[in-house]
Amino acid sequence: MPAPLRRIACLGDLHAEDRRLEEALARIDRLGVDAILCVGDLVDGSGDADRAIALLAARGVTCVRGNHDRWLLAGLLRDLRGATQAILPATR
């Protein structure tokens, strides 16, 4: 019987931020966790989604789909290019 998990890292809302994910995984590696879980939303961001997914796969991370992932697979992902820049003045 496998040993029980004691320390679990949980990631979510990555939105293709591969560079930030790489930094987070380096910190997680230093913590010596027993498992890493990802709760979805891997896509729909300004980074490299393929690289982010490859980083997770290389560590055997268990993932579930988030709403953005489901939208992408269903062909319903909205095009939000420029939305961040458009909303910035309203958040200052």
N, C-alpha and C. Protein backbone atom coordinates (compact mmCIF):
# COMPACT_ATOMS: atom_id res chain seq x y z
N MET A 1 0.85 -1.18 0.00
CA MET A 1 0.00 0.00 0.00
C MET A 1 0.90 1.25 0.00
N PRO A 2 0.60 2.23 -0.88
CA PRO A 2 1.43 3.44 -0.92
C PRO A 2 1.29 4.26 0.36
N ALA A 3 2.35 5.01 0.64
CA ALA A 3 2.33 5.88 1.82
C ALA A 3 1.29 6.97 1.63
N PRO A 4 0.64 7.41 2.71
CA PRO A 4 -0.36 8.48 2.59
C PRO A 4 0.31 9.80 2.19
N LEU A 5 -0.45 10.60 1.45
CA LEU A 5 0.04 11.93 1.07
C LEU A 5 -0.04 12.86 2.27
N ARG A 6 1.00 13.59 2.50
CA ARG A 6 1.02 14.51 3.63
C ARG A 6 1.06 15.97 3.19
N ARG A 7 1.77 16.24 2.11
CA ARG A 7 1.91 17.61 1.63
C ARG A 7 1.51 17.66 0.17
N ILE A 8 0.48 18.44 -0.12
CA ILE A 8 -0.04 18.54 -1.48
C ILE A 8 -0.01 20.01 -1.90
N ALA A 9 0.54 20.27 -3.08
CA ALA A 9 0.50 21.61 -3.66
C ALA A 9 -0.67 21.66 -4.63
N CYS A 10 -1.40 22.76 -4.60
CA CYS A 10 -2.57 22.91 -5.46
C CYS A 10 -2.40 24.18 -6.30
N LEU A 11 -2.49 24.03 -7.61
CA LEU A 11 -2.36 25.14 -8.54
C LEU A 11 -3.67 25.34 -9.29
N GLY A 12 -3.95 26.56 -9.66
CA GLY A 12 -5.15 26.83 -10.45
C GLY A 12 -5.09 28.17 -11.13
N ASP A 13 -5.95 28.35 -12.10
CA ASP A 13 -6.03 29.60 -12.86
C ASP A 13 -4.67 30.01 -13.43
N LEU A 14 -4.00 29.06 -14.06
CA LEU A 14 -2.67 29.33 -14.63
C LEU A 14 -2.75 30.22 -15.87
N HIS A 15 -3.80 30.08 -16.63
CA HIS A 15 -4.05 30.89 -17.82
C HIS A 15 -2.80 31.08 -18.68
N ALA A 16 -2.13 29.96 -18.97
CA ALA A 16 -0.99 29.91 -19.90
C ALA A 16 0.24 30.67 -19.42
N GLU A 17 0.29 31.05 -18.18
CA GLU A 17 1.44 31.81 -17.66
C GLU A 17 2.59 30.85 -17.38
N ASP A 18 3.25 30.39 -18.44
CA ASP A 18 4.29 29.38 -18.33
C ASP A 18 5.49 29.83 -17.50
N ARG A 19 5.88 31.07 -17.62
CA ARG A 19 7.05 31.54 -16.85
C ARG A 19 6.74 31.60 -15.35
N ARG A 20 5.58 32.08 -15.02
CA ARG A 20 5.20 32.12 -13.59
C ARG A 20 4.99 30.72 -13.05
N LEU A 21 4.45 29.84 -13.88
CA LEU A 21 4.30 28.44 -13.47
C LEU A 21 5.66 27.82 -13.19
N GLU A 22 6.63 28.09 -14.04
CA GLU A 22 7.97 27.56 -13.84
C GLU A 22 8.55 28.02 -12.50
N GLU A 23 8.34 29.29 -12.17
CA GLU A 23 8.80 29.82 -10.87
C GLU A 23 8.07 29.14 -9.72
N ALA A 24 6.76 28.97 -9.86
CA ALA A 24 5.98 28.32 -8.81
C ALA A 24 6.42 26.87 -8.61
N LEU A 25 6.67 26.17 -9.71
CA LEU A 25 7.10 24.77 -9.60
C LEU A 25 8.47 24.67 -8.94
N ALA A 26 9.35 25.62 -9.19
CA ALA A 26 10.66 25.62 -8.52
C ALA A 26 10.48 25.78 -7.02
N ARG A 27 9.59 26.65 -6.60
CA ARG A 27 9.31 26.81 -5.17
C ARG A 27 8.69 25.55 -4.58
N ILE A 28 7.76 24.97 -5.32
CA ILE A 28 7.12 23.74 -4.87
C ILE A 28 8.15 22.62 -4.73
N ASP A 29 9.07 22.54 -5.68
CA ASP A 29 10.13 21.52 -5.61
C ASP A 29 10.94 21.67 -4.32
N ARG A 30 11.22 22.91 -3.93
CA ARG A 30 11.99 23.14 -2.70
C ARG A 30 11.22 22.75 -1.45
N LEU A 31 9.89 22.76 -1.53
CA LEU A 31 9.07 22.40 -0.37
C LEU A 31 8.98 20.89 -0.16
N GLY A 32 9.30 20.12 -1.18
CA GLY A 32 9.27 18.67 -1.05
C GLY A 32 7.88 18.11 -0.84
N VAL A 33 6.94 18.52 -1.68
CA VAL A 33 5.56 18.03 -1.55
C VAL A 33 5.45 16.60 -2.06
N ASP A 34 4.40 15.92 -1.63
CA ASP A 34 4.14 14.55 -2.06
C ASP A 34 3.41 14.48 -3.40
N ALA A 35 2.64 15.51 -3.71
CA ALA A 35 1.87 15.52 -4.96
C ALA A 35 1.53 16.96 -5.33
N ILE A 36 1.32 17.17 -6.63
CA ILE A 36 0.89 18.47 -7.13
C ILE A 36 -0.41 18.24 -7.89
N LEU A 37 -1.40 19.06 -7.59
CA LEU A 37 -2.69 19.01 -8.27
C LEU A 37 -2.93 20.34 -8.97
N CYS A 38 -3.62 20.31 -10.09
CA CYS A 38 -3.99 21.53 -10.80
C CYS A 38 -5.50 21.51 -11.02
N VAL A 39 -6.15 22.58 -10.59
CA VAL A 39 -7.62 22.63 -10.61
C VAL A 39 -8.18 23.38 -11.83
N GLY A 40 -7.39 23.49 -12.88
CA GLY A 40 -7.93 23.96 -14.14
C GLY A 40 -7.59 25.37 -14.55
N ASP A 41 -8.15 25.74 -15.69
CA ASP A 41 -7.89 27.00 -16.38
C ASP A 41 -6.41 27.12 -16.76
N LEU A 42 -5.97 26.16 -17.56
CA LEU A 42 -4.60 26.15 -18.07
C LEU A 42 -4.44 27.07 -19.27
N VAL A 43 -5.52 27.33 -19.98
CA VAL A 43 -5.45 28.09 -21.23
C VAL A 43 -6.05 29.49 -21.06
N ASP A 44 -6.02 30.24 -22.17
CA ASP A 44 -6.64 31.57 -22.23
C ASP A 44 -5.85 32.60 -21.44
N GLY A 45 -4.61 32.80 -21.87
CA GLY A 45 -3.76 33.80 -21.25
C GLY A 45 -2.69 34.26 -22.22
N SER A 46 -1.79 35.09 -21.75
CA SER A 46 -0.80 35.68 -22.64
C SER A 46 0.48 34.87 -22.77
N GLY A 47 0.62 33.81 -22.00
CA GLY A 47 1.84 33.00 -22.08
C GLY A 47 1.72 31.88 -23.10
N ASP A 48 2.52 30.84 -22.90
CA ASP A 48 2.57 29.69 -23.80
C ASP A 48 1.86 28.51 -23.14
N ALA A 49 0.62 28.27 -23.54
CA ALA A 49 -0.18 27.20 -22.93
C ALA A 49 0.46 25.84 -23.15
N ASP A 50 1.01 25.60 -24.35
CA ASP A 50 1.63 24.30 -24.62
C ASP A 50 2.81 24.05 -23.68
N ARG A 51 3.61 25.08 -23.44
CA ARG A 51 4.75 24.93 -22.53
C ARG A 51 4.27 24.73 -21.10
N ALA A 52 3.25 25.46 -20.69
CA ALA A 52 2.71 25.30 -19.33
C ALA A 52 2.22 23.87 -19.12
N ILE A 53 1.51 23.34 -20.11
CA ILE A 53 1.00 21.97 -20.01
C ILE A 53 2.16 20.98 -19.98
N ALA A 54 3.19 21.22 -20.78
CA ALA A 54 4.36 20.34 -20.78
C ALA A 54 5.07 20.35 -19.43
N LEU A 55 5.16 21.52 -18.80
CA LEU A 55 5.78 21.61 -17.47
C LEU A 55 5.02 20.77 -16.45
N LEU A 56 3.70 20.83 -16.51
CA LEU A 56 2.88 20.04 -15.59
C LEU A 56 3.01 18.55 -15.89
N ALA A 57 2.97 18.19 -17.17
CA ALA A 57 3.06 16.78 -17.56
C ALA A 57 4.40 16.18 -17.15
N ALA A 58 5.47 16.96 -17.26
CA ALA A 58 6.80 16.46 -16.90
C ALA A 58 6.89 16.08 -15.43
N ARG A 59 6.05 16.68 -14.60
CA ARG A 59 6.05 16.37 -13.17
C ARG A 59 4.92 15.42 -12.78
N GLY A 60 4.16 14.97 -13.75
CA GLY A 60 3.07 14.04 -13.46
C GLY A 60 1.94 14.67 -12.66
N VAL A 61 1.70 15.97 -12.90
CA VAL A 61 0.66 16.69 -12.16
C VAL A 61 -0.72 16.20 -12.61
N THR A 62 -1.58 15.92 -11.64
CA THR A 62 -2.97 15.55 -11.92
C THR A 62 -3.77 16.84 -12.11
N CYS A 63 -4.48 16.94 -13.24
CA CYS A 63 -5.25 18.15 -13.56
C CYS A 63 -6.71 17.82 -13.82
N VAL A 64 -7.56 18.78 -13.50
CA VAL A 64 -8.96 18.73 -13.92
C VAL A 64 -9.20 19.95 -14.81
N ARG A 65 -10.24 19.89 -15.61
CA ARG A 65 -10.56 21.00 -16.50
C ARG A 65 -11.26 22.12 -15.76
N GLY A 66 -10.86 23.34 -16.10
CA GLY A 66 -11.57 24.51 -15.62
C GLY A 66 -12.52 25.00 -16.70
N ASN A 67 -13.26 26.05 -16.41
CA ASN A 67 -14.23 26.55 -17.39
C ASN A 67 -13.56 27.02 -18.67
N HIS A 68 -12.40 27.67 -18.60
CA HIS A 68 -11.71 28.13 -19.81
C HIS A 68 -11.24 26.94 -20.64
N ASP A 69 -10.79 25.89 -19.98
CA ASP A 69 -10.37 24.68 -20.69
C ASP A 69 -11.56 24.04 -21.41
N ARG A 70 -12.70 23.97 -20.74
CA ARG A 70 -13.91 23.41 -21.35
C ARG A 70 -14.37 24.27 -22.53
N TRP A 71 -14.31 25.59 -22.37
CA TRP A 71 -14.70 26.48 -23.46
C TRP A 71 -13.82 26.26 -24.68
N LEU A 72 -12.50 26.12 -24.46
CA LEU A 72 -11.58 25.90 -25.57
C LEU A 72 -11.93 24.61 -26.30
N LEU A 73 -12.13 23.54 -25.55
CA LEU A 73 -12.43 22.24 -26.15
C LEU A 73 -13.77 22.24 -26.89
N ALA A 74 -14.70 23.08 -26.45
CA ALA A 74 -16.01 23.17 -27.09
C ALA A 74 -16.05 24.22 -28.21
N GLY A 75 -14.92 24.90 -28.43
CA GLY A 75 -14.88 25.93 -29.46
C GLY A 75 -15.60 27.20 -29.07
N LEU A 76 -15.77 27.42 -27.77
CA LEU A 76 -16.53 28.58 -27.29
C LEU A 76 -15.66 29.64 -26.63
N LEU A 77 -14.36 29.46 -26.68
CA LEU A 77 -13.46 30.41 -26.01
C LEU A 77 -13.62 31.78 -26.63
N ARG A 78 -13.86 32.76 -25.77
CA ARG A 78 -14.06 34.13 -26.23
C ARG A 78 -12.72 34.76 -26.61
N ASP A 79 -12.75 35.67 -27.52
CA ASP A 79 -11.56 36.41 -27.91
C ASP A 79 -11.53 37.69 -27.08
N LEU A 80 -10.63 37.73 -26.13
CA LEU A 80 -10.56 38.88 -25.21
C LEU A 80 -9.29 39.70 -25.42
N ARG A 81 -8.71 39.63 -26.63
CA ARG A 81 -7.51 40.42 -26.87
C ARG A 81 -7.79 41.89 -26.62
N GLY A 82 -6.91 42.53 -25.88
CA GLY A 82 -7.06 43.94 -25.60
C GLY A 82 -7.96 44.25 -24.42
N ALA A 83 -8.61 43.25 -23.86
CA ALA A 83 -9.53 43.50 -22.74
C ALA A 83 -8.79 44.05 -21.53
N THR A 84 -7.61 43.52 -21.25
CA THR A 84 -6.85 43.99 -20.10
C THR A 84 -6.53 45.47 -20.25
N GLN A 85 -6.03 45.87 -21.42
CA GLN A 85 -5.69 47.27 -21.64
C GLN A 85 -6.92 48.16 -21.58
N ALA A 86 -8.04 47.68 -22.05
CA ALA A 86 -9.27 48.48 -22.06
C ALA A 86 -9.81 48.73 -20.66
N ILE A 87 -9.60 47.78 -19.76
CA ILE A 87 -10.18 47.90 -18.42
C ILE A 87 -9.24 48.59 -17.43
N LEU A 88 -7.96 48.68 -17.75
CA LEU A 88 -7.00 49.27 -16.81
C LEU A 88 -7.40 50.66 -16.32
N PRO A 89 -7.83 51.59 -17.17
CA PRO A 89 -8.20 52.92 -16.67
C PRO A 89 -9.31 52.87 -15.62
N ALA A 90 -10.20 51.92 -15.71
CA ALA A 90 -11.31 51.81 -14.77
C ALA A 90 -10.88 51.24 -13.42
N THR A 91 -9.69 50.66 -13.36
CA THR A 91 -9.23 50.04 -12.11
C THR A 91 -8.22 50.90 -11.37
N ARG A 92 -7.95 52.07 -11.86
CA ARG A 92 -6.95 52.92 -11.20
C ARG A 92 -7.58 53.83 -10.18
